[in-house]
Amino acid sequence: RIVSVPIQPSFWFDLGKPEQLQNAE
């Protein structure tokens, strides 16, 4: 049983790229 559990945090950042780092900062 491998299931999806949706989340809705106030913030979530994937910091794989420089522009994403800047957005999070």
mmCIF file of all heavy atoms, coordinates in Angstrom:
data_MODEL
# 
_entry.id   MODEL 
# 
loop_
_atom_site.group_PDB 
_atom_site.id 
_atom_site.type_symbol 
_atom_site.label_atom_id 
_atom_site.label_alt_id 
_atom_site.label_comp_id 
_atom_site.label_asym_id 
_atom_site.label_entity_id 
_atom_site.label_seq_id 
_atom_site.pdbx_PDB_ins_code 
_atom_site.Cartn_x 
_atom_site.Cartn_y 
_atom_site.Cartn_z 
_atom_site.occupancy 
_atom_site.B_iso_or_equiv 
_atom_site.pdbx_formal_charge 
_atom_site.auth_seq_id 
_atom_site.auth_comp_id 
_atom_site.auth_asym_id 
_atom_site.auth_atom_id 
_atom_site.pdbx_PDB_model_num 
ATOM 1   N N   . ARG A 1 1  ? 0.852  -1.185 0.000   1.00 0.00 ? 1  ARG A N   1 
ATOM 2   C CA  . ARG A 1 1  ? 0.000  0.000  0.000   1.00 0.00 ? 1  ARG A CA  1 
ATOM 3   C C   . ARG A 1 1  ? 0.890  1.239  0.000   1.00 0.00 ? 1  ARG A C   1 
ATOM 4   O O   . ARG A 1 1  ? 1.432  1.654  1.025   1.00 0.00 ? 1  ARG A O   1 
ATOM 5   C CB  . ARG A 1 1  ? -0.908 -0.022 1.227   1.00 0.00 ? 1  ARG A CB  1 
ATOM 6   C CG  . ARG A 1 1  ? -1.838 1.167  1.341   1.00 0.00 ? 1  ARG A CG  1 
ATOM 7   C CD  . ARG A 1 1  ? -3.194 0.923  0.744   1.00 0.00 ? 1  ARG A CD  1 
ATOM 8   N NE  . ARG A 1 1  ? -4.057 2.069  1.040   1.00 0.00 ? 1  ARG A NE  1 
ATOM 9   C CZ  . ARG A 1 1  ? -4.651 2.807  0.126   1.00 0.00 ? 1  ARG A CZ  1 
ATOM 10  N NH1 . ARG A 1 1  ? -4.506 2.527  -1.156  1.00 0.00 ? 1  ARG A NH1 1 
ATOM 11  N NH2 . ARG A 1 1  ? -5.416 3.825  0.466   1.00 0.00 ? 1  ARG A NH2 1 
ATOM 12  N N   . ILE A 1 2  ? 1.071  1.842  -1.176  1.00 0.00 ? 2  ILE A N   1 
ATOM 13  C CA  . ILE A 1 2  ? 1.914  3.025  -1.369  1.00 0.00 ? 2  ILE A CA  1 
ATOM 14  C C   . ILE A 1 2  ? 0.977  4.163  -1.752  1.00 0.00 ? 2  ILE A C   1 
ATOM 15  O O   . ILE A 1 2  ? 0.445  4.184  -2.861  1.00 0.00 ? 2  ILE A O   1 
ATOM 16  C CB  . ILE A 1 2  ? 2.961  2.792  -2.482  1.00 0.00 ? 2  ILE A CB  1 
ATOM 17  C CG1 . ILE A 1 2  ? 3.675  1.435  -2.331  1.00 0.00 ? 2  ILE A CG1 1 
ATOM 18  C CG2 . ILE A 1 2  ? 3.944  3.944  -2.525  1.00 0.00 ? 2  ILE A CG2 1 
ATOM 19  C CD1 . ILE A 1 2  ? 4.500  1.298  -1.074  1.00 0.00 ? 2  ILE A CD1 1 
ATOM 20  N N   . VAL A 1 3  ? 0.761  5.111  -0.852  1.00 0.00 ? 3  VAL A N   1 
ATOM 21  C CA  . VAL A 1 3  ? -0.316 6.069  -1.049  1.00 0.00 ? 3  VAL A CA  1 
ATOM 22  C C   . VAL A 1 3  ? 0.158  7.517  -1.109  1.00 0.00 ? 3  VAL A C   1 
ATOM 23  O O   . VAL A 1 3  ? 1.223  7.862  -0.610  1.00 0.00 ? 3  VAL A O   1 
ATOM 24  C CB  . VAL A 1 3  ? -1.395 5.932  0.060   1.00 0.00 ? 3  VAL A CB  1 
ATOM 25  C CG1 . VAL A 1 3  ? -1.933 4.516  0.115   1.00 0.00 ? 3  VAL A CG1 1 
ATOM 26  C CG2 . VAL A 1 3  ? -0.841 6.335  1.421   1.00 0.00 ? 3  VAL A CG2 1 
ATOM 27  N N   . SER A 1 4  ? -0.685 8.334  -1.715  1.00 0.00 ? 4  SER A N   1 
ATOM 28  C CA  . SER A 1 4  ? -0.483 9.778  -1.771  1.00 0.00 ? 4  SER A CA  1 
ATOM 29  C C   . SER A 1 4  ? -1.096 10.432 -0.544  1.00 0.00 ? 4  SER A C   1 
ATOM 30  O O   . SER A 1 4  ? -2.247 10.155 -0.195  1.00 0.00 ? 4  SER A O   1 
ATOM 31  C CB  . SER A 1 4  ? -1.144 10.341 -3.030  1.00 0.00 ? 4  SER A CB  1 
ATOM 32  O OG  . SER A 1 4  ? -1.240 11.751 -2.973  1.00 0.00 ? 4  SER A OG  1 
ATOM 33  N N   . VAL A 1 5  ? -0.334 11.292 0.113   1.00 0.00 ? 5  VAL A N   1 
ATOM 34  C CA  . VAL A 1 5  ? -0.851 12.109 1.214   1.00 0.00 ? 5  VAL A CA  1 
ATOM 35  C C   . VAL A 1 5  ? -0.573 13.571 0.855   1.00 0.00 ? 5  VAL A C   1 
ATOM 36  O O   . VAL A 1 5  ? 0.557  14.044 0.973   1.00 0.00 ? 5  VAL A O   1 
ATOM 37  C CB  . VAL A 1 5  ? -0.189 11.736 2.558   1.00 0.00 ? 5  VAL A CB  1 
ATOM 38  C CG1 . VAL A 1 5  ? -0.671 12.664 3.672   1.00 0.00 ? 5  VAL A CG1 1 
ATOM 39  C CG2 . VAL A 1 5  ? -0.500 10.282 2.913   1.00 0.00 ? 5  VAL A CG2 1 
ATOM 40  N N   . PRO A 1 6  ? -1.594 14.284 0.372   1.00 0.00 ? 6  PRO A N   1 
ATOM 41  C CA  . PRO A 1 6  ? -1.395 15.674 -0.043  1.00 0.00 ? 6  PRO A CA  1 
ATOM 42  C C   . PRO A 1 6  ? -1.045 16.576 1.136   1.00 0.00 ? 6  PRO A C   1 
ATOM 43  O O   . PRO A 1 6  ? -1.568 16.405 2.249   1.00 0.00 ? 6  PRO A O   1 
ATOM 44  C CB  . PRO A 1 6  ? -2.744 16.063 -0.653  1.00 0.00 ? 6  PRO A CB  1 
ATOM 45  C CG  . PRO A 1 6  ? -3.397 14.755 -1.005  1.00 0.00 ? 6  PRO A CG  1 
ATOM 46  C CD  . PRO A 1 6  ? -2.947 13.803 0.056   1.00 0.00 ? 6  PRO A CD  1 
ATOM 47  N N   . ILE A 1 7  ? -0.151 17.529 0.891   1.00 0.00 ? 7  ILE A N   1 
ATOM 48  C CA  . ILE A 1 7  ? 0.232  18.504 1.914   1.00 0.00 ? 7  ILE A CA  1 
ATOM 49  C C   . ILE A 1 7  ? 0.032  19.910 1.365   1.00 0.00 ? 7  ILE A C   1 
ATOM 50  O O   . ILE A 1 7  ? 0.120  20.142 0.158   1.00 0.00 ? 7  ILE A O   1 
ATOM 51  C CB  . ILE A 1 7  ? 1.694  18.319 2.356   1.00 0.00 ? 7  ILE A CB  1 
ATOM 52  C CG1 . ILE A 1 7  ? 2.648  18.374 1.138   1.00 0.00 ? 7  ILE A CG1 1 
ATOM 53  C CG2 . ILE A 1 7  ? 1.869  17.016 3.128   1.00 0.00 ? 7  ILE A CG2 1 
ATOM 54  C CD1 . ILE A 1 7  ? 4.118  18.418 1.502   1.00 0.00 ? 7  ILE A CD1 1 
ATOM 55  N N   . GLN A 1 8  ? -0.260 20.846 2.261   1.00 0.00 ? 8  GLN A N   1 
ATOM 56  C CA  . GLN A 1 8  ? -0.414 22.255 1.898   1.00 0.00 ? 8  GLN A CA  1 
ATOM 57  C C   . GLN A 1 8  ? 0.287  23.126 2.939   1.00 0.00 ? 8  GLN A C   1 
ATOM 58  O O   . GLN A 1 8  ? -0.355 23.835 3.709   1.00 0.00 ? 8  GLN A O   1 
ATOM 59  C CB  . GLN A 1 8  ? -1.899 22.626 1.795   1.00 0.00 ? 8  GLN A CB  1 
ATOM 60  C CG  . GLN A 1 8  ? -2.619 21.965 0.629   1.00 0.00 ? 8  GLN A CG  1 
ATOM 61  C CD  . GLN A 1 8  ? -4.067 22.416 0.534   1.00 0.00 ? 8  GLN A CD  1 
ATOM 62  O OE1 . GLN A 1 8  ? -4.832 22.358 1.493   1.00 0.00 ? 8  GLN A OE1 1 
ATOM 63  N NE2 . GLN A 1 8  ? -4.452 22.899 -0.643  1.00 0.00 ? 8  GLN A NE2 1 
ATOM 64  N N   . PRO A 1 9  ? 1.626  23.074 2.976   1.00 0.00 ? 9  PRO A N   1 
ATOM 65  C CA  . PRO A 1 9  ? 2.365  23.884 3.951   1.00 0.00 ? 9  PRO A CA  1 
ATOM 66  C C   . PRO A 1 9  ? 2.308  25.361 3.596   1.00 0.00 ? 9  PRO A C   1 
ATOM 67  O O   . PRO A 1 9  ? 1.982  25.733 2.457   1.00 0.00 ? 9  PRO A O   1 
ATOM 68  C CB  . PRO A 1 9  ? 3.788  23.342 3.842   1.00 0.00 ? 9  PRO A CB  1 
ATOM 69  C CG  . PRO A 1 9  ? 3.881  22.849 2.425   1.00 0.00 ? 9  PRO A CG  1 
ATOM 70  C CD  . PRO A 1 9  ? 2.516  22.310 2.093   1.00 0.00 ? 9  PRO A CD  1 
ATOM 71  N N   . SER A 1 10 ? 2.658  26.192 4.558   1.00 0.00 ? 10 SER A N   1 
ATOM 72  C CA  . SER A 1 10 ? 2.736  27.638 4.280   1.00 0.00 ? 10 SER A CA  1 
ATOM 73  C C   . SER A 1 10 ? 3.821  27.928 3.258   1.00 0.00 ? 10 SER A C   1 
ATOM 74  O O   . SER A 1 10 ? 3.682  28.816 2.420   1.00 0.00 ? 10 SER A O   1 
ATOM 75  C CB  . SER A 1 10 ? 3.027  28.408 5.569   1.00 0.00 ? 10 SER A CB  1 
ATOM 76  O OG  . SER A 1 10 ? 2.003  28.205 6.515   1.00 0.00 ? 10 SER A OG  1 
ATOM 77  N N   . PHE A 1 11 ? 4.938  27.178 3.344   1.00 0.00 ? 11 PHE A N   1 
ATOM 78  C CA  . PHE A 1 11 ? 5.979  27.331 2.332   1.00 0.00 ? 11 PHE A CA  1 
ATOM 79  C C   . PHE A 1 11 ? 6.648  25.987 2.088   1.00 0.00 ? 11 PHE A C   1 
ATOM 80  O O   . PHE A 1 11 ? 6.721  25.125 2.970   1.00 0.00 ? 11 PHE A O   1 
ATOM 81  C CB  . PHE A 1 11 ? 7.010  28.396 2.723   1.00 0.00 ? 11 PHE A CB  1 
ATOM 82  C CG  . PHE A 1 11 ? 7.830  28.075 3.946   1.00 0.00 ? 11 PHE A CG  1 
ATOM 83  C CD1 . PHE A 1 11 ? 9.019  27.355 3.836   1.00 0.00 ? 11 PHE A CD1 1 
ATOM 84  C CD2 . PHE A 1 11 ? 7.444  28.523 5.206   1.00 0.00 ? 11 PHE A CD2 1 
ATOM 85  C CE1 . PHE A 1 11 ? 9.787  27.073 4.962   1.00 0.00 ? 11 PHE A CE1 1 
ATOM 86  C CE2 . PHE A 1 11 ? 8.207  28.239 6.336   1.00 0.00 ? 11 PHE A CE2 1 
ATOM 87  C CZ  . PHE A 1 11 ? 9.379  27.516 6.205   1.00 0.00 ? 11 PHE A CZ  1 
ATOM 88  N N   . TRP A 1 12 ? 7.090  25.812 0.861   1.00 0.00 ? 12 TRP A N   1 
ATOM 89  C CA  . TRP A 1 12 ? 7.820  24.620 0.420   1.00 0.00 ? 12 TRP A CA  1 
ATOM 90  C C   . TRP A 1 12 ? 8.697  25.049 -0.740  1.00 0.00 ? 12 TRP A C   1 
ATOM 91  O O   . TRP A 1 12 ? 8.215  25.619 -1.714  1.00 0.00 ? 12 TRP A O   1 
ATOM 92  C CB  . TRP A 1 12 ? 6.838  23.528 -0.017  1.00 0.00 ? 12 TRP A CB  1 
ATOM 93  C CG  . TRP A 1 12 ? 7.492  22.283 -0.572  1.00 0.00 ? 12 TRP A CG  1 
ATOM 94  C CD1 . TRP A 1 12 ? 7.813  21.148 0.098   1.00 0.00 ? 12 TRP A CD1 1 
ATOM 95  C CD2 . TRP A 1 12 ? 7.918  22.057 -1.924  1.00 0.00 ? 12 TRP A CD2 1 
ATOM 96  N NE1 . TRP A 1 12 ? 8.404  20.239 -0.734  1.00 0.00 ? 12 TRP A NE1 1 
ATOM 97  C CE2 . TRP A 1 12 ? 8.478  20.767 -1.998  1.00 0.00 ? 12 TRP A CE2 1 
ATOM 98  C CE3 . TRP A 1 12 ? 7.865  22.833 -3.097  1.00 0.00 ? 12 TRP A CE3 1 
ATOM 99  C CZ2 . TRP A 1 12 ? 8.988  20.240 -3.174  1.00 0.00 ? 12 TRP A CZ2 1 
ATOM 100 C CZ3 . TRP A 1 12 ? 8.380  22.302 -4.271  1.00 0.00 ? 12 TRP A CZ3 1 
ATOM 101 C CH2 . TRP A 1 12 ? 8.929  21.009 -4.303  1.00 0.00 ? 12 TRP A CH2 1 
ATOM 102 N N   . PHE A 1 13 ? 9.988  24.813 -0.621  1.00 0.00 ? 13 PHE A N   1 
ATOM 103 C CA  . PHE A 1 13 ? 10.927 25.194 -1.672  1.00 0.00 ? 13 PHE A CA  1 
ATOM 104 C C   . PHE A 1 13 ? 11.800 24.006 -2.058  1.00 0.00 ? 13 PHE A C   1 
ATOM 105 O O   . PHE A 1 13 ? 12.340 23.315 -1.194  1.00 0.00 ? 13 PHE A O   1 
ATOM 106 C CB  . PHE A 1 13 ? 11.836 26.344 -1.215  1.00 0.00 ? 13 PHE A CB  1 
ATOM 107 C CG  . PHE A 1 13 ? 11.127 27.640 -0.980  1.00 0.00 ? 13 PHE A CG  1 
ATOM 108 C CD1 . PHE A 1 13 ? 10.819 28.046 0.312   1.00 0.00 ? 13 PHE A CD1 1 
ATOM 109 C CD2 . PHE A 1 13 ? 10.770 28.464 -2.037  1.00 0.00 ? 13 PHE A CD2 1 
ATOM 110 C CE1 . PHE A 1 13 ? 10.160 29.249 0.543   1.00 0.00 ? 13 PHE A CE1 1 
ATOM 111 C CE2 . PHE A 1 13 ? 10.115 29.668 -1.826  1.00 0.00 ? 13 PHE A CE2 1 
ATOM 112 C CZ  . PHE A 1 13 ? 9.814  30.066 -0.528  1.00 0.00 ? 13 PHE A CZ  1 
ATOM 113 N N   . ASP A 1 14 ? 11.924 23.785 -3.362  1.00 0.00 ? 14 ASP A N   1 
ATOM 114 C CA  . ASP A 1 14 ? 12.894 22.849 -3.923  1.00 0.00 ? 14 ASP A CA  1 
ATOM 115 C C   . ASP A 1 14 ? 14.076 23.687 -4.390  1.00 0.00 ? 14 ASP A C   1 
ATOM 116 O O   . ASP A 1 14 ? 13.948 24.474 -5.328  1.00 0.00 ? 14 ASP A O   1 
ATOM 117 C CB  . ASP A 1 14 ? 12.254 22.090 -5.096  1.00 0.00 ? 14 ASP A CB  1 
ATOM 118 C CG  . ASP A 1 14 ? 13.249 21.194 -5.832  1.00 0.00 ? 14 ASP A CG  1 
ATOM 119 O OD1 . ASP A 1 14 ? 14.431 21.148 -5.429  1.00 0.00 ? 14 ASP A OD1 1 
ATOM 120 O OD2 . ASP A 1 14 ? 12.847 20.550 -6.801  1.00 0.00 ? 14 ASP A OD2 1 
ATOM 121 N N   . LEU A 1 15 ? 15.219 23.532 -3.721  1.00 0.00 ? 15 LEU A N   1 
ATOM 122 C CA  . LEU A 1 15 ? 16.330 24.466 -3.923  1.00 0.00 ? 15 LEU A CA  1 
ATOM 123 C C   . LEU A 1 15 ? 17.401 23.899 -4.840  1.00 0.00 ? 15 LEU A C   1 
ATOM 124 O O   . LEU A 1 15 ? 18.589 23.983 -4.560  1.00 0.00 ? 15 LEU A O   1 
ATOM 125 C CB  . LEU A 1 15 ? 16.911 24.839 -2.557  1.00 0.00 ? 15 LEU A CB  1 
ATOM 126 C CG  . LEU A 1 15 ? 15.876 25.448 -1.595  1.00 0.00 ? 15 LEU A CG  1 
ATOM 127 C CD1 . LEU A 1 15 ? 16.480 25.666 -0.219  1.00 0.00 ? 15 LEU A CD1 1 
ATOM 128 C CD2 . LEU A 1 15 ? 15.321 26.741 -2.165  1.00 0.00 ? 15 LEU A CD2 1 
ATOM 129 N N   . GLY A 1 16 ? 16.977 23.336 -5.972  1.00 0.00 ? 16 GLY A N   1 
ATOM 130 C CA  . GLY A 1 16 ? 17.920 22.744 -6.895  1.00 0.00 ? 16 GLY A CA  1 
ATOM 131 C C   . GLY A 1 16 ? 18.596 23.734 -7.824  1.00 0.00 ? 16 GLY A C   1 
ATOM 132 O O   . GLY A 1 16 ? 19.607 23.416 -8.445  1.00 0.00 ? 16 GLY A O   1 
ATOM 133 N N   . LYS A 1 17 ? 18.043 24.938 -7.951  1.00 0.00 ? 17 LYS A N   1 
ATOM 134 C CA  . LYS A 1 17 ? 18.581 25.923 -8.884  1.00 0.00 ? 17 LYS A CA  1 
ATOM 135 C C   . LYS A 1 17 ? 18.854 27.238 -8.155  1.00 0.00 ? 17 LYS A C   1 
ATOM 136 O O   . LYS A 1 17 ? 18.190 27.554 -7.162  1.00 0.00 ? 17 LYS A O   1 
ATOM 137 C CB  . LYS A 1 17 ? 17.595 26.174 -10.023 1.00 0.00 ? 17 LYS A CB  1 
ATOM 138 C CG  . LYS A 1 17 ? 17.285 24.944 -10.866 1.00 0.00 ? 17 LYS A CG  1 
ATOM 139 C CD  . LYS A 1 17 ? 16.252 25.262 -11.941 1.00 0.00 ? 17 LYS A CD  1 
ATOM 140 C CE  . LYS A 1 17 ? 15.903 24.040 -12.763 1.00 0.00 ? 17 LYS A CE  1 
ATOM 141 N NZ  . LYS A 1 17 ? 14.869 24.325 -13.784 1.00 0.00 ? 17 LYS A NZ  1 
ATOM 142 N N   . PRO A 1 18 ? 19.825 28.044 -8.653  1.00 0.00 ? 18 PRO A N   1 
ATOM 143 C CA  . PRO A 1 18 ? 20.156 29.309 -7.983  1.00 0.00 ? 18 PRO A CA  1 
ATOM 144 C C   . PRO A 1 18 ? 18.965 30.237 -7.814  1.00 0.00 ? 18 PRO A C   1 
ATOM 145 O O   . PRO A 1 18 ? 18.816 30.881 -6.765  1.00 0.00 ? 18 PRO A O   1 
ATOM 146 C CB  . PRO A 1 18 ? 21.217 29.921 -8.914  1.00 0.00 ? 18 PRO A CB  1 
ATOM 147 C CG  . PRO A 1 18 ? 21.854 28.751 -9.579  1.00 0.00 ? 18 PRO A CG  1 
ATOM 148 C CD  . PRO A 1 18 ? 20.749 27.743 -9.767  1.00 0.00 ? 18 PRO A CD  1 
ATOM 149 N N   . GLU A 1 19 ? 18.089 30.326 -8.832  1.00 0.00 ? 19 GLU A N   1 
ATOM 150 C CA  . GLU A 1 19 ? 16.934 31.232 -8.714  1.00 0.00 ? 19 GLU A CA  1 
ATOM 151 C C   . GLU A 1 19 ? 15.959 30.762 -7.648  1.00 0.00 ? 19 GLU A C   1 
ATOM 152 O O   . GLU A 1 19 ? 15.287 31.581 -7.001  1.00 0.00 ? 19 GLU A O   1 
ATOM 153 C CB  . GLU A 1 19 ? 16.227 31.372 -10.065 1.00 0.00 ? 19 GLU A CB  1 
ATOM 154 C CG  . GLU A 1 19 ? 15.671 30.089 -10.666 1.00 0.00 ? 19 GLU A CG  1 
ATOM 155 C CD  . GLU A 1 19 ? 16.641 29.400 -11.609 1.00 0.00 ? 19 GLU A CD  1 
ATOM 156 O OE1 . GLU A 1 19 ? 17.872 29.600 -11.452 1.00 0.00 ? 19 GLU A OE1 1 
ATOM 157 O OE2 . GLU A 1 19 ? 16.167 28.669 -12.505 1.00 0.00 ? 19 GLU A OE2 1 
ATOM 158 N N   . GLN A 1 20 ? 15.897 29.434 -7.423  1.00 0.00 ? 20 GLN A N   1 
ATOM 159 C CA  . GLN A 1 20 ? 15.029 28.917 -6.369  1.00 0.00 ? 20 GLN A CA  1 
ATOM 160 C C   . GLN A 1 20 ? 15.599 29.244 -4.991  1.00 0.00 ? 20 GLN A C   1 
ATOM 161 O O   . GLN A 1 20 ? 14.852 29.544 -4.051  1.00 0.00 ? 20 GLN A O   1 
ATOM 162 C CB  . GLN A 1 20 ? 14.846 27.402 -6.545  1.00 0.00 ? 20 GLN A CB  1 
ATOM 163 C CG  . GLN A 1 20 ? 14.071 27.030 -7.804  1.00 0.00 ? 20 GLN A CG  1 
ATOM 164 C CD  . GLN A 1 20 ? 14.175 25.565 -8.164  1.00 0.00 ? 20 GLN A CD  1 
ATOM 165 O OE1 . GLN A 1 20 ? 15.179 24.908 -7.894  1.00 0.00 ? 20 GLN A OE1 1 
ATOM 166 N NE2 . GLN A 1 20 ? 13.132 25.026 -8.789  1.00 0.00 ? 20 GLN A NE2 1 
ATOM 167 N N   . LEU A 1 21 ? 16.908 29.211 -4.879  1.00 0.00 ? 21 LEU A N   1 
ATOM 168 C CA  . LEU A 1 21 ? 17.559 29.639 -3.634  1.00 0.00 ? 21 LEU A CA  1 
ATOM 169 C C   . LEU A 1 21 ? 17.233 31.096 -3.335  1.00 0.00 ? 21 LEU A C   1 
ATOM 170 O O   . LEU A 1 21 ? 16.914 31.457 -2.198  1.00 0.00 ? 21 LEU A O   1 
ATOM 171 C CB  . LEU A 1 21 ? 19.074 29.474 -3.744  1.00 0.00 ? 21 LEU A CB  1 
ATOM 172 C CG  . LEU A 1 21 ? 19.708 28.166 -3.305  1.00 0.00 ? 21 LEU A CG  1 
ATOM 173 C CD1 . LEU A 1 21 ? 21.183 28.156 -3.673  1.00 0.00 ? 21 LEU A CD1 1 
ATOM 174 C CD2 . LEU A 1 21 ? 19.532 27.938 -1.805  1.00 0.00 ? 21 LEU A CD2 1 
ATOM 175 N N   . GLN A 1 22 ? 17.294 31.936 -4.351  1.00 0.00 ? 22 GLN A N   1 
ATOM 176 C CA  . GLN A 1 22 ? 17.007 33.352 -4.171  1.00 0.00 ? 22 GLN A CA  1 
ATOM 177 C C   . GLN A 1 22 ? 15.551 33.577 -3.781  1.00 0.00 ? 22 GLN A C   1 
ATOM 178 O O   . GLN A 1 22 ? 15.251 34.401 -2.909  1.00 0.00 ? 22 GLN A O   1 
ATOM 179 C CB  . GLN A 1 22 ? 17.331 34.127 -5.451  1.00 0.00 ? 22 GLN A CB  1 
ATOM 180 C CG  . GLN A 1 22 ? 17.279 35.639 -5.278  1.00 0.00 ? 22 GLN A CG  1 
ATOM 181 C CD  . GLN A 1 22 ? 18.229 36.147 -4.211  1.00 0.00 ? 22 GLN A CD  1 
ATOM 182 O OE1 . GLN A 1 22 ? 19.432 35.895 -4.271  1.00 0.00 ? 22 GLN A OE1 1 
ATOM 183 N NE2 . GLN A 1 22 ? 17.702 36.848 -3.203  1.00 0.00 ? 22 GLN A NE2 1 
ATOM 184 N N   . ASN A 1 23 ? 14.633 32.838 -4.402  1.00 0.00 ? 23 ASN A N   1 
ATOM 185 C CA  . ASN A 1 23 ? 13.224 32.966 -4.049  1.00 0.00 ? 23 ASN A CA  1 
ATOM 186 C C   . ASN A 1 23 ? 12.979 32.593 -2.589  1.00 0.00 ? 23 ASN A C   1 
ATOM 187 O O   . ASN A 1 23 ? 12.220 33.266 -1.877  1.00 0.00 ? 23 ASN A O   1 
ATOM 188 C CB  . ASN A 1 23 ? 12.359 32.066 -4.951  1.00 0.00 ? 23 ASN A CB  1 
ATOM 189 C CG  . ASN A 1 23 ? 12.304 32.549 -6.381  1.00 0.00 ? 23 ASN A CG  1 
ATOM 190 O OD1 . ASN A 1 23 ? 12.574 33.722 -6.656  1.00 0.00 ? 23 ASN A OD1 1 
ATOM 191 N ND2 . ASN A 1 23 ? 11.960 31.669 -7.299  1.00 0.00 ? 23 ASN A ND2 1 
ATOM 192 N N   . ALA A 1 24 ? 13.632 31.533 -2.153  1.00 0.00 ? 24 ALA A N   1 
ATOM 193 C CA  . ALA A 1 24 ? 13.480 31.108 -0.747  1.00 0.00 ? 24 ALA A CA  1 
ATOM 194 C C   . ALA A 1 24 ? 14.071 32.132 0.204   1.00 0.00 ? 24 ALA A C   1 
ATOM 195 O O   . ALA A 1 24 ? 13.495 32.445 1.240   1.00 0.00 ? 24 ALA A O   1 
ATOM 196 C CB  . ALA A 1 24 ? 14.144 29.747 -0.554  1.00 0.00 ? 24 ALA A CB  1 
ATOM 197 N N   . GLU A 1 25 ? 15.221 32.680 -0.180  1.00 0.00 ? 25 GLU A N   1 
ATOM 198 C CA  . GLU A 1 25 ? 15.870 33.714 0.652   1.00 0.00 ? 25 GLU A CA  1 
ATOM 199 C C   . GLU A 1 25 ? 14.959 34.946 0.780   1.00 0.00 ? 25 GLU A C   1 
ATOM 200 O O   . GLU A 1 25 ? 14.802 35.490 1.873   1.00 0.00 ? 25 GLU A O   1 
ATOM 201 C CB  . GLU A 1 25 ? 17.199 34.111 0.007   1.00 0.00 ? 25 GLU A CB  1 
ATOM 202 C CG  . GLU A 1 25 ? 17.983 35.134 0.790   1.00 0.00 ? 25 GLU A CG  1 
ATOM 203 C CD  . GLU A 1 25 ? 19.144 34.523 1.582   1.00 0.00 ? 25 GLU A CD  1 
ATOM 204 O OE1 . GLU A 1 25 ? 19.630 33.446 1.203   1.00 0.00 ? 25 GLU A OE1 1 
ATOM 205 O OE2 . GLU A 1 25 ? 19.543 35.157 2.564   1.00 0.00 ? 25 GLU A OE2 1 
# 
